[in-house]
Amino acid sequence: KGLDPICVRVNYKSGIVDYPAKVYKRGTGIDLALVKLKATSDRPGWESDDLCIPKIMYGDSSDIIEGKELIYIGYPLGLGIKEKNYPISRNALISQVIPRREIFLIDGSASHGNSGSPVFDKKTGRLLGIIESFNPDFIVAFDERDNPVARFPYNSGISRVISAKAIKLFVFGVEKRSLKIK
């Protein structure tokens, strides 16, 4: 069907395993992709050739309120991937909601390894979104005449999150409260 072949790396206690996968759908104007894995049954918990994802409970737009406490997980800068078999978790707050773009900003520093990390409501555990990237700020270098000559990006400590609503619209084409894929 014209799917692009890729590899998805899964970190088990017994080691890292690469699974063949294909990009099923790419986002347009949104940094999302739907990936289909071909898993083997030789790993504990794999009962068929298809990966089964447990039910995910999504939040909705009414859950995205400035000041809400969040928690997000991931492997910033690759930390924890080889040494540990669990992600690093961090607390954050929603700092700004941008409703027309279906994104929000969090007061939480993300870096390489956090892209695609889930962001949860700290009280309910509902998925509110996934981290797209950090929001860069810039240091500007000037020449002797005070003309800007270069801009150097750095991590501002603010991160962009794609909302659960945008994720549901991307996956299903409609908004749903939960997802179970078999």
N, C-alpha and C. Protein backbone atom coordinates (compact mmCIF):
# COMPACT_ATOMS: atom_id res chain seq x y z
N LYS A 1 0.82 -1.20 0.00
CA LYS A 1 0.00 0.00 0.00
C LYS A 1 0.86 1.26 0.00
N GLY A 2 2.13 1.15 -0.33
CA GLY A 2 2.98 2.33 -0.37
C GLY A 2 3.43 2.80 0.99
N LEU A 3 3.43 1.91 2.00
CA LEU A 3 3.86 2.30 3.33
C LEU A 3 5.38 2.35 3.39
N ASP A 4 5.92 3.29 4.14
CA ASP A 4 7.36 3.44 4.26
C ASP A 4 7.90 2.50 5.34
N PRO A 5 8.88 1.61 5.03
CA PRO A 5 9.43 0.72 6.05
C PRO A 5 10.35 1.48 6.99
N ILE A 6 10.21 1.20 8.28
CA ILE A 6 11.08 1.77 9.31
C ILE A 6 11.34 0.70 10.35
N CYS A 7 12.02 1.05 11.43
CA CYS A 7 12.30 0.14 12.52
C CYS A 7 11.89 0.83 13.82
N VAL A 8 11.19 0.11 14.70
CA VAL A 8 10.80 0.65 16.01
C VAL A 8 11.58 -0.11 17.06
N ARG A 9 12.28 0.62 17.91
CA ARG A 9 13.12 0.04 18.95
C ARG A 9 12.34 -0.01 20.25
N VAL A 10 12.28 -1.21 20.87
CA VAL A 10 11.58 -1.40 22.14
C VAL A 10 12.61 -1.84 23.17
N ASN A 11 12.58 -1.19 24.34
CA ASN A 11 13.53 -1.46 25.40
C ASN A 11 12.90 -2.40 26.43
N TYR A 12 13.34 -3.66 26.44
CA TYR A 12 12.88 -4.65 27.42
C TYR A 12 13.92 -4.78 28.52
N LYS A 13 13.53 -5.37 29.65
CA LYS A 13 14.50 -5.64 30.72
C LYS A 13 15.65 -6.50 30.20
N SER A 14 15.35 -7.42 29.31
CA SER A 14 16.36 -8.35 28.79
C SER A 14 17.19 -7.75 27.66
N GLY A 15 16.83 -6.55 27.20
CA GLY A 15 17.60 -5.92 26.14
C GLY A 15 16.72 -5.19 25.14
N ILE A 16 17.36 -4.54 24.22
CA ILE A 16 16.67 -3.75 23.20
C ILE A 16 16.38 -4.64 21.99
N VAL A 17 15.15 -4.54 21.48
CA VAL A 17 14.74 -5.31 20.30
C VAL A 17 14.20 -4.34 19.26
N ASP A 18 14.63 -4.53 18.02
CA ASP A 18 14.13 -3.73 16.91
C ASP A 18 13.06 -4.52 16.17
N TYR A 19 11.93 -3.87 15.91
CA TYR A 19 10.82 -4.50 15.20
C TYR A 19 10.62 -3.80 13.86
N PRO A 20 10.40 -4.56 12.80
CA PRO A 20 10.07 -3.91 11.54
C PRO A 20 8.71 -3.22 11.65
N ALA A 21 8.60 -2.10 11.01
CA ALA A 21 7.35 -1.34 11.06
C ALA A 21 7.19 -0.56 9.77
N LYS A 22 6.00 -0.05 9.57
CA LYS A 22 5.72 0.79 8.40
C LYS A 22 4.92 2.00 8.84
N VAL A 23 5.23 3.13 8.22
CA VAL A 23 4.47 4.35 8.48
C VAL A 23 3.16 4.21 7.72
N TYR A 24 2.07 4.17 8.47
CA TYR A 24 0.75 3.98 7.90
C TYR A 24 0.12 5.31 7.46
N LYS A 25 0.41 6.37 8.24
CA LYS A 25 -0.18 7.68 7.96
C LYS A 25 0.74 8.75 8.52
N ARG A 26 0.96 9.82 7.76
CA ARG A 26 1.77 10.96 8.21
C ARG A 26 0.87 12.17 8.42
N GLY A 27 1.22 12.97 9.43
CA GLY A 27 0.48 14.18 9.68
C GLY A 27 0.80 15.24 8.66
N THR A 28 -0.18 16.08 8.37
CA THR A 28 0.01 17.24 7.50
C THR A 28 -0.15 18.46 8.38
N GLY A 29 0.92 19.20 8.58
CA GLY A 29 0.88 20.37 9.44
C GLY A 29 0.90 20.02 10.92
N ILE A 30 1.13 18.75 11.24
CA ILE A 30 1.19 18.29 12.62
C ILE A 30 2.25 17.19 12.67
N ASP A 31 3.08 17.19 13.69
CA ASP A 31 4.20 16.26 13.78
C ASP A 31 3.74 14.94 14.39
N LEU A 32 2.93 14.18 13.62
CA LEU A 32 2.43 12.88 14.06
C LEU A 32 2.57 11.88 12.93
N ALA A 33 2.72 10.62 13.31
CA ALA A 33 2.69 9.53 12.34
C ALA A 33 2.03 8.33 13.01
N LEU A 34 1.27 7.59 12.24
CA LEU A 34 0.66 6.35 12.71
C LEU A 34 1.51 5.23 12.14
N VAL A 35 2.02 4.36 13.04
CA VAL A 35 2.98 3.33 12.68
C VAL A 35 2.38 1.96 12.96
N LYS A 36 2.53 1.03 12.03
CA LYS A 36 2.09 -0.34 12.23
C LYS A 36 3.32 -1.21 12.46
N LEU A 37 3.33 -1.93 13.62
CA LEU A 37 4.44 -2.80 13.97
C LEU A 37 4.14 -4.24 13.59
N LYS A 38 5.18 -4.96 13.27
CA LYS A 38 5.08 -6.40 13.07
C LYS A 38 5.92 -7.01 14.19
N ALA A 39 5.26 -7.43 15.27
CA ALA A 39 5.96 -7.97 16.43
C ALA A 39 6.00 -9.49 16.34
N THR A 40 6.99 -10.06 16.98
CA THR A 40 7.11 -11.52 16.99
C THR A 40 6.61 -12.05 18.33
N SER A 41 6.21 -13.29 18.34
CA SER A 41 5.64 -13.88 19.56
C SER A 41 6.69 -14.43 20.50
N ASP A 42 7.98 -14.22 20.23
CA ASP A 42 9.02 -14.75 21.11
C ASP A 42 9.30 -13.86 22.32
N ARG A 43 8.62 -12.74 22.44
CA ARG A 43 8.80 -11.84 23.59
C ARG A 43 7.66 -12.05 24.57
N PRO A 44 7.92 -12.00 25.87
CA PRO A 44 6.82 -12.12 26.85
C PRO A 44 5.78 -11.04 26.62
N GLY A 45 4.51 -11.42 26.68
CA GLY A 45 3.43 -10.47 26.49
C GLY A 45 2.94 -10.36 25.07
N TRP A 46 3.68 -10.90 24.11
CA TRP A 46 3.25 -10.89 22.71
C TRP A 46 2.50 -12.18 22.45
N GLU A 47 1.22 -12.07 22.18
CA GLU A 47 0.41 -13.26 21.98
C GLU A 47 0.04 -13.47 20.52
N SER A 48 0.41 -12.54 19.66
CA SER A 48 0.11 -12.70 18.24
C SER A 48 1.14 -11.91 17.45
N ASP A 49 0.96 -11.87 16.16
CA ASP A 49 1.89 -11.13 15.31
C ASP A 49 1.64 -9.63 15.36
N ASP A 50 0.50 -9.23 15.89
CA ASP A 50 0.19 -7.81 15.95
C ASP A 50 0.36 -7.29 17.36
N LEU A 51 0.84 -6.09 17.48
CA LEU A 51 1.01 -5.45 18.78
C LEU A 51 -0.35 -5.01 19.30
N CYS A 52 -0.67 -5.35 20.53
CA CYS A 52 -1.92 -4.92 21.15
C CYS A 52 -1.61 -3.80 22.13
N ILE A 53 -2.22 -2.68 21.94
CA ILE A 53 -2.02 -1.53 22.82
C ILE A 53 -3.18 -1.48 23.80
N PRO A 54 -2.89 -1.36 25.10
CA PRO A 54 -4.00 -1.28 26.05
C PRO A 54 -4.84 -0.03 25.83
N LYS A 55 -6.03 -0.05 26.37
CA LYS A 55 -6.95 1.08 26.22
C LYS A 55 -6.31 2.34 26.80
N ILE A 56 -6.38 3.40 26.04
CA ILE A 56 -5.85 4.70 26.47
C ILE A 56 -7.04 5.60 26.75
N MET A 57 -7.06 6.23 27.92
CA MET A 57 -8.11 7.18 28.23
C MET A 57 -7.60 8.59 27.93
N TYR A 58 -8.27 9.24 27.01
CA TYR A 58 -7.90 10.58 26.60
C TYR A 58 -8.64 11.62 27.44
N GLY A 59 -7.98 12.74 27.64
CA GLY A 59 -8.67 13.92 28.14
C GLY A 59 -9.32 14.61 26.95
N ASP A 60 -10.01 15.69 27.20
CA ASP A 60 -10.57 16.45 26.10
C ASP A 60 -10.23 17.92 26.28
N SER A 61 -10.73 18.74 25.39
CA SER A 61 -10.38 20.16 25.40
C SER A 61 -10.69 20.84 26.73
N SER A 62 -11.75 20.40 27.40
CA SER A 62 -12.12 21.02 28.68
C SER A 62 -11.10 20.71 29.78
N ASP A 63 -10.26 19.67 29.56
CA ASP A 63 -9.21 19.32 30.54
C ASP A 63 -7.97 20.18 30.40
N ILE A 64 -7.85 20.91 29.28
CA ILE A 64 -6.63 21.69 29.02
C ILE A 64 -6.86 23.12 29.50
N ILE A 65 -6.40 23.36 30.73
CA ILE A 65 -6.62 24.64 31.41
C ILE A 65 -5.26 25.16 31.88
N GLU A 66 -5.01 26.43 31.65
CA GLU A 66 -3.75 27.01 32.12
C GLU A 66 -3.61 26.83 33.62
N GLY A 67 -2.43 26.39 34.04
CA GLY A 67 -2.14 26.15 35.46
C GLY A 67 -2.35 24.70 35.88
N LYS A 68 -2.95 23.86 35.04
CA LYS A 68 -3.19 22.45 35.38
C LYS A 68 -1.86 21.73 35.57
N GLU A 69 -1.81 20.87 36.61
CA GLU A 69 -0.61 20.08 36.88
C GLU A 69 -0.56 18.86 35.98
N LEU A 70 0.62 18.61 35.42
CA LEU A 70 0.83 17.52 34.48
C LEU A 70 2.03 16.69 34.90
N ILE A 71 2.13 15.54 34.27
CA ILE A 71 3.34 14.73 34.37
C ILE A 71 3.63 14.21 32.97
N TYR A 72 4.90 14.19 32.59
CA TYR A 72 5.26 13.63 31.29
C TYR A 72 6.46 12.72 31.46
N ILE A 73 6.57 11.76 30.55
CA ILE A 73 7.65 10.78 30.64
C ILE A 73 8.40 10.72 29.31
N GLY A 74 9.64 10.26 29.36
CA GLY A 74 10.42 10.12 28.14
C GLY A 74 11.86 9.80 28.46
N TYR A 75 12.68 9.90 27.47
CA TYR A 75 14.11 9.63 27.58
C TYR A 75 14.89 10.85 27.10
N PRO A 76 14.86 11.96 27.88
CA PRO A 76 15.54 13.17 27.42
C PRO A 76 17.03 12.91 27.20
N LEU A 77 17.51 13.33 26.04
CA LEU A 77 18.91 13.15 25.64
C LEU A 77 19.34 11.69 25.68
N GLY A 78 18.37 10.77 25.60
CA GLY A 78 18.68 9.34 25.61
C GLY A 78 18.95 8.78 26.99
N LEU A 79 18.77 9.60 28.04
CA LEU A 79 19.04 9.13 29.40
C LEU A 79 18.12 7.98 29.77
N GLY A 80 18.66 6.96 30.40
CA GLY A 80 17.87 5.86 30.91
C GLY A 80 17.61 4.75 29.91
N ILE A 81 17.92 4.95 28.65
CA ILE A 81 17.61 3.92 27.66
C ILE A 81 18.44 2.66 27.90
N LYS A 82 19.74 2.81 28.11
CA LYS A 82 20.60 1.63 28.29
C LYS A 82 20.78 1.27 29.76
N GLU A 83 20.83 2.27 30.63
CA GLU A 83 21.12 2.02 32.04
C GLU A 83 19.92 1.47 32.80
N LYS A 84 18.74 1.91 32.43
CA LYS A 84 17.51 1.56 33.14
C LYS A 84 16.48 1.16 32.11
N ASN A 85 15.45 0.48 32.55
CA ASN A 85 14.40 0.13 31.59
C ASN A 85 13.11 0.86 31.91
N TYR A 86 13.24 2.07 32.39
CA TYR A 86 12.06 2.90 32.63
C TYR A 86 12.38 4.34 32.23
N PRO A 87 11.36 5.06 31.82
CA PRO A 87 11.58 6.45 31.39
C PRO A 87 11.74 7.39 32.58
N ILE A 88 12.20 8.57 32.29
CA ILE A 88 12.31 9.63 33.29
C ILE A 88 11.01 10.41 33.29
N SER A 89 10.45 10.66 34.48
CA SER A 89 9.20 11.42 34.57
C SER A 89 9.49 12.81 35.12
N ARG A 90 8.68 13.78 34.68
CA ARG A 90 8.84 15.16 35.13
C ARG A 90 7.48 15.79 35.33
N ASN A 91 7.43 16.72 36.25
CA ASN A 91 6.22 17.49 36.50
C ASN A 91 6.23 18.74 35.63
N ALA A 92 5.05 19.23 35.31
CA ALA A 92 4.93 20.45 34.50
C ALA A 92 3.58 21.09 34.78
N LEU A 93 3.40 22.29 34.26
CA LEU A 93 2.13 23.02 34.31
C LEU A 93 1.77 23.47 32.90
N ILE A 94 0.48 23.54 32.60
CA ILE A 94 0.07 24.15 31.34
C ILE A 94 0.26 25.65 31.49
N SER A 95 1.08 26.23 30.60
CA SER A 95 1.36 27.66 30.71
C SER A 95 0.56 28.50 29.71
N GLN A 96 0.20 27.93 28.56
CA GLN A 96 -0.60 28.68 27.59
C GLN A 96 -1.34 27.70 26.68
N VAL A 97 -2.61 28.01 26.42
CA VAL A 97 -3.42 27.20 25.52
C VAL A 97 -3.56 27.95 24.20
N ILE A 98 -3.32 27.26 23.09
CA ILE A 98 -3.45 27.85 21.76
C ILE A 98 -4.51 27.01 21.04
N PRO A 99 -5.80 27.31 21.27
CA PRO A 99 -6.89 26.44 20.80
C PRO A 99 -7.01 26.27 19.30
N ARG A 100 -6.77 27.31 18.53
CA ARG A 100 -6.96 27.19 17.08
C ARG A 100 -5.95 26.23 16.45
N ARG A 101 -4.80 26.04 17.09
CA ARG A 101 -3.79 25.14 16.54
C ARG A 101 -3.81 23.78 17.24
N GLU A 102 -4.70 23.59 18.21
CA GLU A 102 -4.79 22.34 18.97
C GLU A 102 -3.46 21.96 19.61
N ILE A 103 -2.74 22.98 20.11
CA ILE A 103 -1.53 22.74 20.88
C ILE A 103 -1.61 23.56 22.16
N PHE A 104 -0.77 23.19 23.11
CA PHE A 104 -0.61 24.01 24.30
C PHE A 104 0.84 23.98 24.71
N LEU A 105 1.23 25.00 25.48
CA LEU A 105 2.60 25.11 25.96
C LEU A 105 2.64 24.69 27.42
N ILE A 106 3.71 23.99 27.78
CA ILE A 106 3.88 23.59 29.19
C ILE A 106 5.16 24.19 29.73
N ASP A 107 5.14 24.48 31.02
CA ASP A 107 6.33 24.91 31.73
C ASP A 107 7.05 23.63 32.15
N GLY A 108 7.74 23.06 31.20
CA GLY A 108 8.46 21.81 31.39
C GLY A 108 9.49 21.69 30.30
N SER A 109 10.71 21.45 30.68
CA SER A 109 11.81 21.41 29.72
C SER A 109 11.87 20.07 29.01
N ALA A 110 11.71 20.09 27.70
CA ALA A 110 11.84 18.88 26.88
C ALA A 110 13.10 19.03 26.03
N SER A 111 13.65 17.90 25.64
CA SER A 111 14.82 17.92 24.78
C SER A 111 14.74 16.72 23.85
N HIS A 112 15.76 16.49 23.06
CA HIS A 112 15.77 15.33 22.18
C HIS A 112 15.55 14.09 23.05
N GLY A 113 14.65 13.24 22.64
CA GLY A 113 14.29 12.08 23.45
C GLY A 113 12.94 12.25 24.12
N ASN A 114 12.45 13.49 24.18
CA ASN A 114 11.11 13.75 24.71
C ASN A 114 10.07 13.91 23.61
N SER A 115 10.49 14.09 22.37
CA SER A 115 9.53 14.22 21.28
C SER A 115 8.67 12.96 21.22
N GLY A 116 7.37 13.16 21.21
CA GLY A 116 6.45 12.02 21.22
C GLY A 116 6.13 11.50 22.60
N SER A 117 6.69 12.12 23.62
CA SER A 117 6.42 11.67 25.00
C SER A 117 4.98 11.98 25.40
N PRO A 118 4.32 11.06 26.08
CA PRO A 118 2.96 11.33 26.53
C PRO A 118 2.94 12.33 27.68
N VAL A 119 1.90 13.14 27.69
CA VAL A 119 1.68 14.14 28.74
C VAL A 119 0.33 13.81 29.39
N PHE A 120 0.35 13.58 30.70
CA PHE A 120 -0.83 13.14 31.43
C PHE A 120 -1.31 14.18 32.43
N ASP A 121 -2.63 14.22 32.66
CA ASP A 121 -3.20 14.98 33.76
C ASP A 121 -2.71 14.31 35.03
N LYS A 122 -2.07 15.06 35.90
CA LYS A 122 -1.46 14.48 37.11
C LYS A 122 -2.50 13.87 38.04
N LYS A 123 -3.72 14.43 38.08
CA LYS A 123 -4.75 13.92 38.99
C LYS A 123 -5.54 12.76 38.41
N THR A 124 -5.91 12.81 37.13
CA THR A 124 -6.78 11.78 36.55
C THR A 124 -6.03 10.70 35.78
N GLY A 125 -4.80 10.99 35.36
CA GLY A 125 -4.04 10.05 34.55
C GLY A 125 -4.43 10.04 33.09
N ARG A 126 -5.38 10.88 32.69
CA ARG A 126 -5.80 10.92 31.29
C ARG A 126 -4.70 11.53 30.42
N LEU A 127 -4.57 10.99 29.21
CA LEU A 127 -3.62 11.51 28.25
C LEU A 127 -4.14 12.84 27.71
N LEU A 128 -3.37 13.92 27.88
CA LEU A 128 -3.78 15.23 27.38
C LEU A 128 -3.07 15.60 26.09
N GLY A 129 -1.97 14.91 25.77
CA GLY A 129 -1.26 15.21 24.54
C GLY A 129 0.08 14.53 24.50
N ILE A 130 0.84 14.86 23.45
CA ILE A 130 2.22 14.38 23.35
C ILE A 130 3.13 15.56 23.02
N ILE A 131 4.34 15.49 23.55
CA ILE A 131 5.29 16.58 23.33
C ILE A 131 5.74 16.58 21.87
N GLU A 132 5.64 17.77 21.26
CA GLU A 132 6.12 17.94 19.89
C GLU A 132 7.58 18.37 19.90
N SER A 133 7.90 19.38 20.70
CA SER A 133 9.27 19.88 20.75
C SER A 133 9.40 20.91 21.87
N PHE A 134 10.62 21.34 22.12
CA PHE A 134 10.78 22.46 23.03
C PHE A 134 10.58 23.74 22.25
N ASN A 135 10.21 24.79 22.94
CA ASN A 135 9.99 26.10 22.32
C ASN A 135 11.29 26.88 22.45
N PRO A 136 12.03 27.07 21.37
CA PRO A 136 13.35 27.69 21.50
C PRO A 136 13.30 29.19 21.78
N ASP A 137 14.31 29.65 22.45
CA ASP A 137 14.56 31.08 22.58
C ASP A 137 15.91 31.29 21.90
N PHE A 138 16.33 32.53 21.71
CA PHE A 138 17.54 32.77 20.96
C PHE A 138 18.45 33.77 21.65
N ILE A 139 19.73 33.51 21.57
CA ILE A 139 20.76 34.48 21.94
C ILE A 139 21.23 35.09 20.63
N VAL A 140 21.31 36.40 20.58
CA VAL A 140 21.70 37.09 19.35
C VAL A 140 23.10 37.67 19.53
N ALA A 141 23.97 37.39 18.57
CA ALA A 141 25.33 37.96 18.57
C ALA A 141 25.34 39.20 17.68
N PHE A 142 26.01 40.25 18.15
CA PHE A 142 26.08 41.51 17.42
C PHE A 142 27.52 41.81 17.04
N ASP A 143 27.70 42.53 15.93
CA ASP A 143 29.04 42.97 15.56
C ASP A 143 29.36 44.28 16.29
N GLU A 144 30.53 44.86 15.98
CA GLU A 144 30.97 46.07 16.67
C GLU A 144 30.08 47.28 16.41
N ARG A 145 29.25 47.25 15.37
CA ARG A 145 28.32 48.35 15.06
C ARG A 145 26.91 48.05 15.57
N ASP A 146 26.78 47.04 16.39
CA ASP A 146 25.50 46.65 16.98
C ASP A 146 24.51 46.06 15.97
N ASN A 147 25.03 45.51 14.88
CA ASN A 147 24.19 44.81 13.90
C ASN A 147 24.12 43.33 14.29
N PRO A 148 22.93 42.74 14.29
CA PRO A 148 22.85 41.31 14.59
C PRO A 148 23.53 40.49 13.49
N VAL A 149 24.38 39.55 13.89
CA VAL A 149 25.11 38.74 12.91
C VAL A 149 24.80 37.26 13.02
N ALA A 150 24.28 36.81 14.15
CA ALA A 150 23.95 35.39 14.30
C ALA A 150 22.94 35.21 15.43
N ARG A 151 22.13 34.18 15.26
CA ARG A 151 21.17 33.80 16.32
C ARG A 151 21.46 32.36 16.72
N PHE A 152 21.53 32.13 18.04
CA PHE A 152 21.81 30.80 18.55
C PHE A 152 20.62 30.34 19.39
N PRO A 153 19.94 29.27 18.95
CA PRO A 153 18.79 28.79 19.73
C PRO A 153 19.23 28.08 21.01
N TYR A 154 18.41 28.19 22.03
CA TYR A 154 18.61 27.41 23.25
C TYR A 154 17.24 27.04 23.81
N ASN A 155 17.23 26.06 24.68
CA ASN A 155 15.99 25.54 25.25
C ASN A 155 15.46 26.52 26.29
N SER A 156 14.26 27.03 26.05
CA SER A 156 13.65 28.04 26.92
C SER A 156 13.03 27.43 28.18
N GLY A 157 12.85 26.11 28.22
CA GLY A 157 12.15 25.48 29.35
C GLY A 157 10.65 25.40 29.12
N ILE A 158 10.21 25.89 27.98
CA ILE A 158 8.80 25.80 27.58
C ILE A 158 8.72 24.79 26.43
N SER A 159 7.73 23.90 26.49
CA SER A 159 7.60 22.86 25.46
C SER A 159 6.23 22.91 24.82
N ARG A 160 6.18 22.56 23.52
CA ARG A 160 4.93 22.50 22.77
C ARG A 160 4.36 21.09 22.84
N VAL A 161 3.03 21.02 23.08
CA VAL A 161 2.34 19.74 23.21
C VAL A 161 1.18 19.71 22.22
N ILE A 162 1.08 18.62 21.45
CA ILE A 162 -0.05 18.39 20.56
C ILE A 162 -1.17 17.83 21.42
N SER A 163 -2.35 18.44 21.35
CA SER A 163 -3.46 18.03 22.23
C SER A 163 -4.00 16.66 21.88
N ALA A 164 -4.62 16.02 22.88
CA ALA A 164 -5.26 14.72 22.68
C ALA A 164 -6.34 14.82 21.61
N LYS A 165 -7.04 15.94 21.55
CA LYS A 165 -8.06 16.11 20.52
C LYS A 165 -7.45 16.03 19.13
N ALA A 166 -6.31 16.68 18.92
CA ALA A 166 -5.64 16.64 17.62
C ALA A 166 -5.16 15.22 17.31
N ILE A 167 -4.72 14.50 18.34
CA ILE A 167 -4.27 13.12 18.13
C ILE A 167 -5.45 12.24 17.70
N LYS A 168 -6.57 12.38 18.39
CA LYS A 168 -7.76 11.59 18.05
C LYS A 168 -8.26 11.92 16.65
N LEU A 169 -8.25 13.19 16.30
CA LEU A 169 -8.68 13.58 14.95
C LEU A 169 -7.74 13.00 13.90
N PHE A 170 -6.44 12.97 14.21
CA PHE A 170 -5.46 12.40 13.29
C PHE A 170 -5.66 10.89 13.12
N VAL A 171 -5.82 10.17 14.22
CA VAL A 171 -5.93 8.71 14.17
C VAL A 171 -7.26 8.27 13.59
N PHE A 172 -8.35 8.86 14.07
CA PHE A 172 -9.69 8.39 13.71
C PHE A 172 -10.41 9.25 12.68
N GLY A 173 -10.02 10.50 12.57
CA GLY A 173 -10.78 11.44 11.76
C GLY A 173 -11.93 12.05 12.53
N VAL A 174 -12.18 11.54 13.76
CA VAL A 174 -13.21 12.07 14.65
C VAL A 174 -12.68 12.00 16.06
N GLU A 175 -13.30 12.72 16.98
CA GLU A 175 -12.87 12.73 18.37
C GLU A 175 -13.56 11.59 19.12
N LYS A 176 -12.76 10.76 19.82
CA LYS A 176 -13.28 9.67 20.64
C LYS A 176 -12.67 9.75 22.03
N ARG A 177 -13.30 9.12 23.01
CA ARG A 177 -12.79 9.18 24.39
C ARG A 177 -11.73 8.11 24.68
N SER A 178 -11.68 7.03 23.90
CA SER A 178 -10.67 6.00 24.17
C SER A 178 -10.24 5.33 22.88
N LEU A 179 -9.14 4.61 22.95
CA LEU A 179 -8.58 3.95 21.79
C LEU A 179 -8.15 2.55 22.18
N LYS A 180 -8.55 1.58 21.43
CA LYS A 180 -8.03 0.22 21.59
C LYS A 180 -7.75 -0.30 20.20
N ILE A 181 -6.48 -0.59 19.93
CA ILE A 181 -6.07 -1.08 18.63
C ILE A 181 -5.66 -2.53 18.78
N LYS A 182 -6.10 -3.39 17.90
CA LYS A 182 -5.66 -4.80 17.90
C LYS A 182 -5.05 -5.10 16.56
